[in-house]
C-alpha atoms as a PDB file:
ATOM      1  CA  MET A   1       4.814 -99.765 -80.436  1.00  0.00           C
ATOM      2  CA  LYS A   2       1.381 -98.964 -79.350  1.00  0.00           C
ATOM      3  CA  LEU A   3       2.245 -98.727 -75.555  1.00  0.00           C
ATOM      4  CA  ALA A   4       4.954 -96.273 -76.482  1.00  0.00           C
ATOM      5  CA  GLY A   5       2.976 -94.398 -78.711  1.00  0.00           C
ATOM      6  CA  TYR A   6      -0.219 -94.132 -76.033  1.00  0.00           C
ATOM      7  CA  LEU A   7       2.676 -93.436 -73.551  1.00  0.00           C
ATOM      8  CA  ALA A   8       3.147 -90.047 -75.387  1.00  0.00           C
ATOM      9  CA  ALA A   9       0.217 -89.545 -76.604  1.00  0.00           C
ATOM     10  CA  LEU A  10      -0.213 -89.531 -72.293  1.00  0.00           C
ATOM     11  CA  PHE A  11       1.949 -87.006 -71.527  1.00  0.00           C
ATOM     12  CA  LEU A  12       0.918 -84.676 -74.464  1.00  0.00           C
ATOM     13  CA  ALA A  13      -2.100 -84.782 -72.855  1.00  0.00           C
ATOM     14  CA  VAL A  14      -1.049 -83.625 -69.286  1.00  0.00           C
ATOM     15  CA  VAL A  15       1.316 -80.708 -71.254  1.00  0.00           C
ATOM     16  CA  VAL A  16      -2.025 -79.538 -72.881  1.00  0.00           C
ATOM     17  CA  HIS A  17      -3.989 -79.441 -70.497  1.00  0.00           C
ATOM     18  CA  VAL A  18      -1.217 -78.259 -67.146  1.00  0.00           C
ATOM     19  CA  VAL A  19      -0.654 -75.832 -70.208  1.00  0.00           C
ATOM     20  CA  LEU A  20      -4.320 -74.938 -70.699  1.00  0.00           C
ATOM     21  CA  GLN A  21      -4.935 -75.085 -66.801  1.00  0.00           C
ATOM     22  CA  ARG A  22      -2.849 -72.257 -65.701  1.00  0.00           C
ATOM     23  CA  PHE A  23      -2.696 -69.775 -68.954  1.00  0.00           C
ATOM     24  CA  LEU A  24      -6.897 -70.195 -70.649  1.00  0.00           C
ATOM     25  CA  PRO A  25      -8.266 -71.717 -67.512  1.00  0.00           C
ATOM     26  CA  PRO A  26     -11.716 -71.067 -69.588  1.00  0.00           C
ATOM     27  CA  VAL A  27     -10.777 -73.215 -72.502  1.00  0.00           C
ATOM     28  CA  ALA A  28      -9.577 -75.142 -70.226  1.00  0.00           C
ATOM     29  CA  ARG A  29     -12.569 -76.218 -69.392  1.00  0.00           C
ATOM     30  CA  VAL A  30     -14.654 -77.184 -72.831  1.00  0.00           C
ATOM     31  CA  VAL A  31     -11.539 -78.657 -74.237  1.00  0.00           C
ATOM     32  CA  ASP A  32     -10.422 -82.104 -72.862  1.00  0.00           C
ATOM     33  CA  PRO A  33      -7.102 -83.389 -74.289  1.00  0.00           C
ATOM     34  CA  PHE A  34      -7.243 -87.073 -72.379  1.00  0.00           C
ATOM     35  CA  MET A  35     -11.352 -87.624 -73.771  1.00  0.00           C
ATOM     36  CA  VAL A  36      -9.660 -87.073 -77.545  1.00  0.00           C
ATOM     37  CA  LEU A  37      -6.486 -89.416 -76.531  1.00  0.00           C
ATOM     38  CA  VAL A  38      -8.942 -92.247 -75.088  1.00  0.00           C
ATOM     39  CA  VAL A  39     -11.023 -91.893 -78.633  1.00  0.00           C
ATOM     40  CA  VAL A  40      -8.484 -91.519 -81.017  1.00  0.00           C
ATOM     41  CA  PHE A  41      -6.734 -95.320 -79.236  1.00  0.00           C
ATOM     42  CA  ALA A  42     -10.154 -96.599 -78.484  1.00  0.00           C
ATOM     43  CA  LEU A  43     -11.326 -96.228 -82.652  1.00  0.00           C
ATOM     44  CA  GLU A  44      -8.519 -98.720 -83.611  1.00  0.00           C
ATOM     45  CA  ALA A  45      -8.175-101.007 -79.995  1.00  0.00           C
ATOM     46  CA  LYS A  46      -9.518-103.764 -79.325  1.00  0.00           C
ATOM     47  CA  PRO A  47     -12.774-103.419 -76.037  1.00  0.00           C
ATOM     48  CA  LEU A  48      -9.984-103.471 -73.669  1.00  0.00           C
ATOM     49  CA  GLY A  49      -7.494-102.292 -74.796  1.00  0.00           C
ATOM     50  CA  GLY A  50     -10.067 -99.067 -75.372  1.00  0.00           C
ATOM     51  CA  MET A  51     -10.529 -99.829 -71.782  1.00  0.00           C
ATOM     52  CA  VAL A  52      -7.542 -99.591 -70.421  1.00  0.00           C
ATOM     53  CA  ALA A  53      -6.262 -96.746 -72.287  1.00  0.00           C
ATOM     54  CA  GLY A  54      -9.642 -95.140 -70.035  1.00  0.00           C
ATOM     55  CA  THR A  55      -8.818 -96.257 -66.935  1.00  0.00           C
ATOM     56  CA  ALA A  56      -4.921 -95.174 -67.736  1.00  0.00           C
ATOM     57  CA  ALA A  57      -5.902 -91.705 -68.679  1.00  0.00           C
ATOM     58  CA  GLY A  58      -8.827 -90.876 -66.382  1.00  0.00           C
ATOM     59  CA  TRP A  59      -7.074 -91.527 -63.243  1.00  0.00           C
ATOM     60  CA  THR A  60      -3.881 -88.962 -64.651  1.00  0.00           C
ATOM     61  CA  LYS A  61      -6.726 -86.977 -64.989  1.00  0.00           C
ATOM     62  CA  ASP A  62      -7.811 -87.694 -61.309  1.00  0.00           C
ATOM     63  CA  ALA A  63      -4.337 -86.748 -60.214  1.00  0.00           C
ATOM     64  CA  LEU A  64      -4.434 -83.745 -61.852  1.00  0.00           C
ATOM     65  CA  THR A  65      -7.835 -82.169 -61.094  1.00  0.00           C
ATOM     66  CA  GLY A  66      -7.460 -83.220 -57.987  1.00  0.00           C
ATOM     67  CA  SER A  67     -11.122 -84.680 -58.081  1.00  0.00           C
ATOM     68  CA  PHE A  68     -12.477 -88.286 -56.087  1.00  0.00           C
ATOM     69  CA  PHE A  69      -9.912 -89.935 -57.164  1.00  0.00           C
ATOM     70  CA  GLY A  70     -12.015 -93.279 -59.852  1.00  0.00           C
ATOM     71  CA  LEU A  71     -14.539 -90.728 -61.101  1.00  0.00           C
ATOM     72  CA  HIS A  72     -13.444 -89.695 -64.413  1.00  0.00           C
ATOM     73  CA  GLY A  73     -11.047 -93.250 -64.323  1.00  0.00           C
ATOM     74  CA  VAL A  74     -14.538 -94.962 -64.177  1.00  0.00           C
ATOM     75  CA  ALA A  75     -16.398 -92.309 -66.851  1.00  0.00           C
ATOM     76  CA  LEU A  76     -13.453 -92.410 -69.059  1.00  0.00           C
ATOM     77  CA  THR A  77     -13.087 -96.624 -68.690  1.00  0.00           C
ATOM     78  CA  ILE A  78     -16.854 -96.816 -69.974  1.00  0.00           C
ATOM     79  CA  LEU A  79     -16.339 -94.646 -72.592  1.00  0.00           C
ATOM     80  CA  GLY A  80     -13.197 -96.013 -74.120  1.00  0.00           C
ATOM     81  CA  PHE A  81     -14.746 -99.646 -73.936  1.00  0.00           C
ATOM     82  CA  VAL A  82     -18.306 -97.301 -75.741  1.00  0.00           C
ATOM     83  CA  VAL A  83     -16.480 -96.062 -78.728  1.00  0.00           C
ATOM     84  CA  ALA A  84     -14.530 -99.272 -78.998  1.00  0.00           C
ATOM     85  CA  ARG A  85     -17.507-101.422 -79.637  1.00  0.00           C
ATOM     86  CA  ILE A  86     -19.000 -98.562 -82.407  1.00  0.00           C
ATOM     87  CA  ALA A  87     -15.625 -98.132 -84.137  1.00  0.00           C
ATOM     88  CA  ARG A  88     -15.546-102.355 -84.602  1.00  0.00           C
ATOM     89  CA  SER A  89     -19.892-102.443 -85.990  1.00  0.00           C
ATOM     90  CA  VAL A  90     -18.898 -99.304 -88.093  1.00  0.00           C
ATOM     91  CA  THR A  91     -16.092 -98.048 -90.823  1.00  0.00           C
ATOM     92  CA  ALA A  92     -14.662 -95.026 -87.925  1.00  0.00           C
ATOM     93  CA  ASN A  93     -11.531 -93.681 -90.264  1.00  0.00           C
ATOM     94  CA  GLN A  94     -14.172 -90.894 -92.253  1.00  0.00           C
ATOM     95  CA  PRO A  95     -13.905 -87.594 -89.929  1.00  0.00           C
ATOM     96  CA  ALA A  96     -17.777 -87.692 -89.928  1.00  0.00           C
ATOM     97  CA  VAL A  97     -17.442 -90.420 -87.662  1.00  0.00           C
ATOM     98  CA  ILE A  98     -14.573 -89.666 -85.442  1.00  0.00           C
ATOM     99  CA  GLY A  99     -16.354 -85.918 -85.280  1.00  0.00           C
ATOM    100  CA  LEU A 100     -19.840 -88.373 -83.874  1.00  0.00           C
ATOM    101  CA  LEU A 101     -17.727 -90.551 -81.541  1.00  0.00           C
ATOM    102  CA  LEU A 102     -16.433 -88.095 -79.854  1.00  0.00           C
ATOM    103  CA  ALA A 103     -19.456 -85.385 -80.033  1.00  0.00           C
ATOM    104  CA  ILE A 104     -21.595 -88.717 -78.003  1.00  0.00           C
ATOM    105  CA  GLY A 105     -18.056 -89.254 -75.798  1.00  0.00           C
ATOM    106  CA  VAL A 106     -18.548 -85.988 -74.327  1.00  0.00           C
ATOM    107  CA  LEU A 107     -22.161 -86.771 -72.834  1.00  0.00           C
ATOM    108  CA  VAL A 108     -21.616 -90.048 -72.232  1.00  0.00           C
ATOM    109  CA  GLU A 109     -18.405 -89.060 -69.924  1.00  0.00           C
ATOM    110  CA  SER A 110     -21.422 -86.563 -68.902  1.00  0.00           C
ATOM    111  CA  ALA A 111     -23.990 -88.610 -68.210  1.00  0.00           C
ATOM    112  CA  THR A 112     -21.463 -91.509 -66.249  1.00  0.00           C
ATOM    113  CA  LEU A 113     -20.038 -88.053 -63.638  1.00  0.00           C
ATOM    114  CA  LEU A 114     -23.078 -86.859 -63.307  1.00  0.00           C
ATOM    115  CA  ILE A 115     -24.422 -90.856 -62.289  1.00  0.00           C
ATOM    116  CA  LEU A 116     -21.193 -91.612 -60.579  1.00  0.00           C
ATOM    117  CA  LEU A 117     -21.599 -87.387 -58.403  1.00  0.00           C
ATOM    118  CA  ARG A 118     -25.386 -88.141 -57.808  1.00  0.00           C
ATOM    119  CA  LEU A 119     -23.987 -91.399 -55.739  1.00  0.00           C
ATOM    120  CA  LEU A 120     -21.252 -90.081 -53.975  1.00  0.00           C
ATOM    121  CA  SER A 121     -22.694 -86.511 -53.294  1.00  0.00           C
ATOM    122  CA  ARG A 122     -26.140 -85.896 -52.994  1.00  0.00           C
ATOM    123  CA  ASP A 123     -25.452 -81.679 -53.335  1.00  0.00           C
ATOM    124  CA  ALA A 124     -23.696 -82.029 -56.209  1.00  0.00           C
ATOM    125  CA  PRO A 125     -24.797 -79.880 -59.299  1.00  0.00           C
ATOM    126  CA  PRO A 126     -25.903 -81.076 -62.608  1.00  0.00           C
ATOM    127  CA  PRO A 127     -23.463 -79.928 -65.468  1.00  0.00           C
ATOM    128  CA  GLU A 128     -24.484 -76.885 -67.676  1.00  0.00           C
ATOM    129  CA  LEU A 129     -26.123 -78.051 -70.519  1.00  0.00           C
ATOM    130  CA  LEU A 130     -24.713 -75.270 -72.595  1.00  0.00           C
ATOM    131  CA  TRP A 131     -21.336 -76.415 -71.745  1.00  0.00           C
ATOM    132  CA  VAL A 132     -21.655 -79.946 -71.920  1.00  0.00           C
ATOM    133  CA  GLY A 133     -22.776 -79.043 -76.266  1.00  0.00           C
ATOM    134  CA  ALA A 134     -20.222 -76.193 -76.232  1.00  0.00           C
ATOM    135  CA  ARG A 135     -17.887 -79.116 -75.080  1.00  0.00           C
ATOM    136  CA  ALA A 136     -19.482 -82.205 -77.692  1.00  0.00           C
ATOM    137  CA  GLY A 137     -18.799 -79.897 -79.961  1.00  0.00           C
ATOM    138  CA  ILE A 138     -14.889 -78.408 -79.607  1.00  0.00           C
ATOM    139  CA  THR A 139     -13.592 -81.409 -78.710  1.00  0.00           C
ATOM    140  CA  ALA A 140     -15.322 -83.215 -81.961  1.00  0.00           C
ATOM    141  CA  LEU A 141     -13.876 -80.823 -84.153  1.00  0.00           C
ATOM    142  CA  ILE A 142     -10.488 -80.751 -81.937  1.00  0.00           C
ATOM    143  CA  GLY A 143     -10.643 -84.744 -82.171  1.00  0.00           C
ATOM    144  CA  VAL A 144     -10.789 -84.850 -85.640  1.00  0.00           C
ATOM    145  CA  VAL A 145      -8.309 -82.654 -86.645  1.00  0.00           C
ATOM    146  CA  VAL A 146      -6.649 -84.253 -84.172  1.00  0.00           C
ATOM    147  CA  VAL A 147      -6.392 -87.460 -86.153  1.00  0.00           C
ATOM    148  CA  LEU A 148      -6.831 -86.275 -90.060  1.00  0.00           C
ATOM    149  CA  SER A 149      -3.036 -84.485 -89.234  1.00  0.00           C
ATOM    150  CA  ALA A 150      -1.931 -87.516 -86.708  1.00  0.00           C
ATOM    151  CA  GLY A 151      -2.802 -90.292 -90.009  1.00  0.00           C
ATOM    152  CA  ARG A 152      -0.869 -87.217 -92.714  1.00  0.00           C
ATOM    153  CA  SER A 153       1.618 -87.544 -90.344  1.00  0.00           C
ATOM    154  CA  LEU A 154       1.825 -91.208 -89.978  1.00  0.00           C
ATOM    155  CA  ARG A 155       1.837 -91.879 -94.340  1.00  0.00           C
ATOM    156  CA  ARG A 156       4.694 -89.029 -95.096  1.00  0.00           C
ATOM    157  CA  PHE A 157       6.499 -91.011 -92.733  1.00  0.00           C
ATOM    158  CA  GLU A 158       5.669 -94.559 -94.284  1.00  0.00           C
ATOM    159  CA  HIS A 159       6.179 -92.471 -97.372  1.00  0.00           C
ATOM    160  CA  TRP A 160       9.905 -91.611 -96.997  1.00  0.00           C
ATOM    161  CA  ARG A 161      10.611 -95.203 -95.030  1.00  0.00           C
ATOM    162  CA  ARG A 162      10.119 -96.465 -98.327  1.00  0.00           C
ATOM    163  CA  ILE A 163      11.757 -94.808 -99.806  1.00  0.00           C
ATOM    164  CA  ARG A 164      14.890 -93.906 -98.101  1.00  0.00           C
ATOM    165  CA  LYS A 165      18.100 -95.013 -99.172  1.00  0.00           C
ATOM    166  CA  ARG A 166      17.793 -99.486 -97.292  1.00  0.00           C
ATOM    167  CA  ARG A 167      22.219 -99.423 -97.914  1.00  0.00           C
ATOM    168  CA  VAL A 168      24.863 -98.494 -95.938  1.00  0.00           C
ATOM    169  CA  LYS A 169      27.646 -97.409 -97.169  1.00  0.00           C
ATOM    170  CA  LEU A 170      30.744 -97.976 -95.143  1.00  0.00           C
ATOM    171  CA  PRO A 171      34.555 -95.776 -95.371  1.00  0.00           C
ATOM    172  CA  GLY A 172      36.885 -97.287 -97.227  1.00  0.00           C
END
């Protein structure tokens, strides 16, 4: 069930990414649905699960953006591992903690991308600090909203499942 949920969320992240790239390119520069996806799934996963989620999301992002293939794959794999390790050490179900993990995630991904780009190309421009800060704040805000709304939806679904009638009535 978790695999089906992850694949559905990955598909949704692809749709959001494509729509933002097509209709709102400045917003797409700041909003990263793949990072939100990796952090949300790494919060409840073991480190290996966080790494797999990060690898799949990173490769998908690489395929969509046309950058060096594997660049975001490596960055999001590291992010998934780091968030899963941190989430196992702290209580990561509070909105402030989730927002902080997302903001740290932006910094980890930006640092990883900078190091990898410097290794691959000497003339790669460094990321602008203003955009990194904007991405950290906006990604944290969006991630907290996604996690809180998903948690509320899951609670409502579980409540509905408990109270629905369990008997099936046959005609006749």
